[in-house]
Amino acid sequence: MSVFVAWMPDEDALDALRALCDAVDGALAPGLRPKWRKREQFHMTLRYLGEDAPADLAPLSAALAAVAARHARIALAFDRTERWKRDELLVARTAPSAPLDALFADIERAVCACGFGAQPPQKTPHITLAYAPRGGRIAAEADAAARAALPFAATLGRIAVASTVRGGYDMPAWWPLDDRADAAVDGAALPR
């Protein structure tokens, strides 16, 4: 089980991501189709924490709540796809964003203050869309097909602690970014 700080896209962003995947999938030859992530698996990792959740989430929760209170919602522009790891992985990338960079840096400081080891800064904010079949590659045709469904906008409006569970993620805690109206929402009401 992996545990991480994440942005879980809202319904509009999930629709745009699914449309992007469908556009690429429809343009690829049947033998070249990758394994697409499911709708409930789309997320942006903001900071990897480890393989196990801390025994006491309270210090991390307090630190991340403070981070969320310091940041306004962030407009994201997904403007390209890239094939990574020798074309074995297809990701959607965001345009450069100073507010997103600041959020990454603030999260890093907060989790380090809670005893997690330092990590290099996140230089490539992305959402994984698909994996190539074992031993396969994602074809270059994916790039041209993706351009038809790009760009699309999304809003990073909350951060969460998430952990992998079969077929998706569990979010034991989450916090809205600079939006007091959402502060009383129970994390259990979020889509899983």
Protein backbone atom coordinates (compact mmCIF):
# COMPACT_ATOMS: atom_id res chain seq x y z
CA MET A 1 0.00 0.00 0.00
CA SER A 2 1.44 3.39 -1.02
CA VAL A 3 0.60 6.49 1.02
CA PHE A 4 0.90 9.96 -0.46
CA VAL A 5 -0.37 13.53 -0.45
CA ALA A 6 -2.50 14.01 -3.53
CA TRP A 7 -4.94 16.04 -5.56
CA MET A 8 -7.93 13.93 -6.50
CA PRO A 9 -9.62 15.54 -9.54
CA ASP A 10 -13.23 16.72 -9.33
CA GLU A 11 -15.94 15.38 -11.67
CA ASP A 12 -15.26 17.93 -14.45
CA ALA A 13 -11.55 17.12 -14.46
CA LEU A 14 -12.31 13.38 -14.39
CA ASP A 15 -14.58 13.85 -17.43
CA ALA A 16 -11.80 15.73 -19.27
CA LEU A 17 -9.24 13.07 -18.40
CA ARG A 18 -11.55 10.29 -19.57
CA ALA A 19 -12.20 12.20 -22.83
CA LEU A 20 -8.45 12.53 -23.34
CA CYS A 21 -7.95 8.80 -22.83
CA ASP A 22 -10.82 8.00 -25.19
CA ALA A 23 -9.40 10.31 -27.90
CA VAL A 24 -6.01 8.63 -27.72
CA ASP A 25 -7.43 5.11 -27.48
CA GLY A 26 -9.61 5.64 -30.54
CA ALA A 27 -6.61 6.70 -32.62
CA LEU A 28 -4.39 3.74 -31.77
CA ALA A 29 -4.34 0.44 -33.60
CA PRO A 30 -5.91 -2.35 -31.50
CA GLY A 31 -2.55 -4.07 -30.95
CA LEU A 32 -1.03 -0.83 -29.67
CA ARG A 33 -3.59 0.02 -26.99
CA PRO A 34 -2.19 0.55 -23.50
CA LYS A 35 -3.75 -0.34 -20.18
CA TRP A 36 -5.80 2.73 -19.27
CA ARG A 37 -6.15 3.95 -15.70
CA LYS A 38 -9.69 3.75 -14.35
CA ARG A 39 -11.56 6.96 -13.59
CA GLU A 40 -11.23 6.36 -9.84
CA GLN A 41 -7.44 5.99 -10.20
CA PHE A 42 -6.73 9.43 -11.67
CA HIS A 43 -4.78 11.61 -9.24
CA MET A 44 -1.77 13.88 -9.00
CA THR A 45 0.79 12.86 -6.40
CA LEU A 46 1.94 15.96 -4.53
CA ARG A 47 4.30 14.11 -2.15
CA TYR A 48 5.00 10.40 -1.71
CA LEU A 49 5.04 9.44 1.99
CA GLY A 50 5.88 5.74 2.00
CA GLU A 51 4.44 2.26 1.92
CA ASP A 52 2.60 2.47 5.24
CA ALA A 53 0.45 5.14 6.85
CA PRO A 54 1.91 6.68 9.98
CA ALA A 55 0.52 5.19 13.18
CA ASP A 56 -0.60 8.67 14.26
CA LEU A 57 -1.96 10.84 11.45
CA ALA A 58 -2.61 13.81 13.80
CA PRO A 59 0.72 15.67 13.32
CA LEU A 60 0.64 15.21 9.54
CA SER A 61 -3.03 16.21 9.44
CA ALA A 62 -2.33 19.39 11.39
CA ALA A 63 0.62 20.26 9.15
CA LEU A 64 -1.33 19.69 5.93
CA ALA A 65 -4.36 21.61 7.24
CA ALA A 66 -2.03 24.56 7.82
CA VAL A 67 -0.60 24.20 4.30
CA ALA A 68 -4.11 24.18 2.80
CA ALA A 69 -5.06 27.29 4.76
CA ARG A 70 -2.10 29.18 3.26
CA HIS A 71 -2.92 28.44 -0.38
CA ALA A 72 -5.68 29.60 -2.68
CA ARG A 73 -7.23 27.24 -5.20
CA ILE A 74 -4.87 26.66 -8.12
CA ALA A 75 -5.89 26.80 -11.78
CA LEU A 76 -4.27 23.95 -13.68
CA ALA A 77 -3.90 23.84 -17.46
CA PHE A 78 -3.30 20.35 -18.78
CA ASP A 79 -1.68 21.21 -22.08
CA ARG A 80 0.22 18.13 -23.22
CA THR A 81 0.80 14.43 -22.89
CA GLU A 82 4.19 12.80 -22.68
CA ARG A 83 5.41 9.27 -23.05
CA TRP A 84 7.85 8.36 -20.25
CA LYS A 85 10.15 5.48 -19.35
CA ARG A 86 10.97 4.56 -22.92
CA ASP A 87 7.36 5.03 -24.02
CA GLU A 88 5.97 2.65 -21.40
CA LEU A 89 3.90 5.30 -19.59
CA LEU A 90 1.53 8.01 -20.87
CA VAL A 91 0.93 11.05 -18.66
CA ALA A 92 -1.02 14.32 -18.87
CA ARG A 93 1.16 17.28 -17.89
CA THR A 94 0.26 20.70 -16.54
CA ALA A 95 1.60 23.96 -17.83
CA PRO A 96 4.18 25.60 -15.53
CA SER A 97 2.53 27.18 -12.50
CA ALA A 98 4.21 29.27 -9.79
CA PRO A 99 1.29 28.63 -7.35
CA LEU A 100 1.59 24.86 -7.90
CA ASP A 101 5.36 25.02 -7.37
CA ALA A 102 4.76 26.95 -4.13
CA LEU A 103 2.25 24.32 -2.95
CA PHE A 104 4.72 21.49 -3.65
CA ALA A 105 7.43 23.33 -1.69
CA ASP A 106 5.12 24.05 1.25
CA ILE A 107 3.96 20.42 1.40
CA GLU A 108 7.58 19.27 1.34
CA ARG A 109 8.49 21.53 4.28
CA ALA A 110 5.43 20.37 6.22
CA VAL A 111 5.98 16.64 5.79
CA CYS A 112 9.70 16.97 6.57
CA ALA A 113 8.78 18.79 9.79
CA CYS A 114 6.64 15.73 10.63
CA GLY A 115 9.64 13.42 10.36
CA PHE A 116 9.45 12.25 6.74
CA GLY A 117 12.77 12.33 4.89
CA ALA A 118 13.41 15.04 2.32
CA GLN A 119 12.69 14.32 -1.33
CA PRO A 120 13.78 16.14 -4.49
CA PRO A 121 11.25 18.77 -5.60
CA GLN A 122 8.47 17.60 -7.92
CA LYS A 123 9.49 18.96 -11.32
CA THR A 124 6.87 17.24 -13.42
CA PRO A 125 3.33 17.57 -12.07
CA HIS A 126 1.28 15.01 -13.96
CA ILE A 127 -1.53 12.49 -13.95
CA THR A 128 -0.78 9.00 -15.21
CA LEU A 129 -3.20 8.01 -17.95
CA ALA A 130 -1.97 4.60 -19.12
CA TYR A 131 0.70 1.94 -19.01
CA ALA A 132 1.94 0.00 -22.02
CA PRO A 133 1.26 -3.72 -22.02
CA ARG A 134 4.16 -5.67 -20.50
CA GLY A 135 7.11 -5.41 -22.86
CA GLY A 136 5.22 -3.00 -25.11
CA ARG A 137 5.41 0.69 -25.95
CA ILE A 138 2.86 3.48 -26.28
CA ALA A 139 2.85 4.47 -29.93
CA ALA A 140 3.83 7.94 -31.15
CA GLU A 141 0.30 8.26 -32.57
CA ALA A 142 -0.81 8.90 -29.00
CA ASP A 143 0.76 12.37 -29.13
CA ALA A 144 -1.20 13.55 -32.16
CA ALA A 145 -4.45 12.05 -30.89
CA ALA A 146 -4.02 13.75 -27.50
CA ARG A 147 -3.74 17.18 -29.10
CA ALA A 148 -7.38 16.90 -30.20
CA ALA A 149 -8.54 16.70 -26.56
CA LEU A 150 -6.11 19.31 -25.18
CA PRO A 151 -5.82 21.70 -23.52
CA PHE A 152 -8.27 21.42 -20.65
CA ALA A 153 -8.47 23.30 -17.38
CA ALA A 154 -8.98 22.01 -13.85
CA THR A 155 -8.88 23.46 -10.36
CA LEU A 156 -6.80 22.04 -7.55
CA GLY A 157 -9.16 22.84 -4.71
CA ARG A 158 -8.15 20.38 -2.00
CA ILE A 159 -5.29 18.19 -0.91
CA ALA A 160 -5.65 14.75 0.62
CA VAL A 161 -3.70 12.00 2.28
CA ALA A 162 -4.45 8.97 0.13
CA SER A 163 -3.49 5.32 0.22
CA THR A 164 -3.85 2.66 -2.42
CA VAL A 165 -6.64 0.14 -2.07
CA ARG A 166 -7.80 -2.40 -4.59
CA GLY A 167 -9.02 -0.54 -7.68
CA GLY A 168 -8.59 2.99 -6.29
CA TYR A 169 -7.66 5.05 -3.26
CA ASP A 170 -8.79 5.62 0.29
CA MET A 171 -8.63 9.17 1.65
CA PRO A 172 -8.59 9.17 5.45
CA ALA A 173 -8.11 12.96 5.53
CA TRP A 174 -8.39 15.93 3.18
CA TRP A 175 -8.38 19.72 3.35
CA PRO A 176 -9.78 22.43 1.06
CA LEU A 177 -7.47 25.13 -0.24
CA ASP A 178 -8.59 28.56 0.92
CA ASP A 179 -12.28 27.76 0.70
CA ARG A 180 -13.94 28.02 4.09
CA ALA A 181 -17.30 26.80 2.77
CA ASP A 182 -15.86 23.31 2.20
CA ALA A 183 -14.15 23.08 5.60
CA ALA A 184 -17.03 21.20 7.28
CA VAL A 185 -17.35 18.53 4.57
CA ASP A 186 -16.62 15.04 5.84
CA GLY A 187 -13.89 13.22 3.91
CA ALA A 188 -16.11 10.14 3.77
CA ALA A 189 -18.40 12.02 1.37
CA LEU A 190 -15.67 12.15 -1.29
CA PRO A 191 -15.87 9.77 -4.23
CA ARG A 192 -13.64 6.76 -3.76
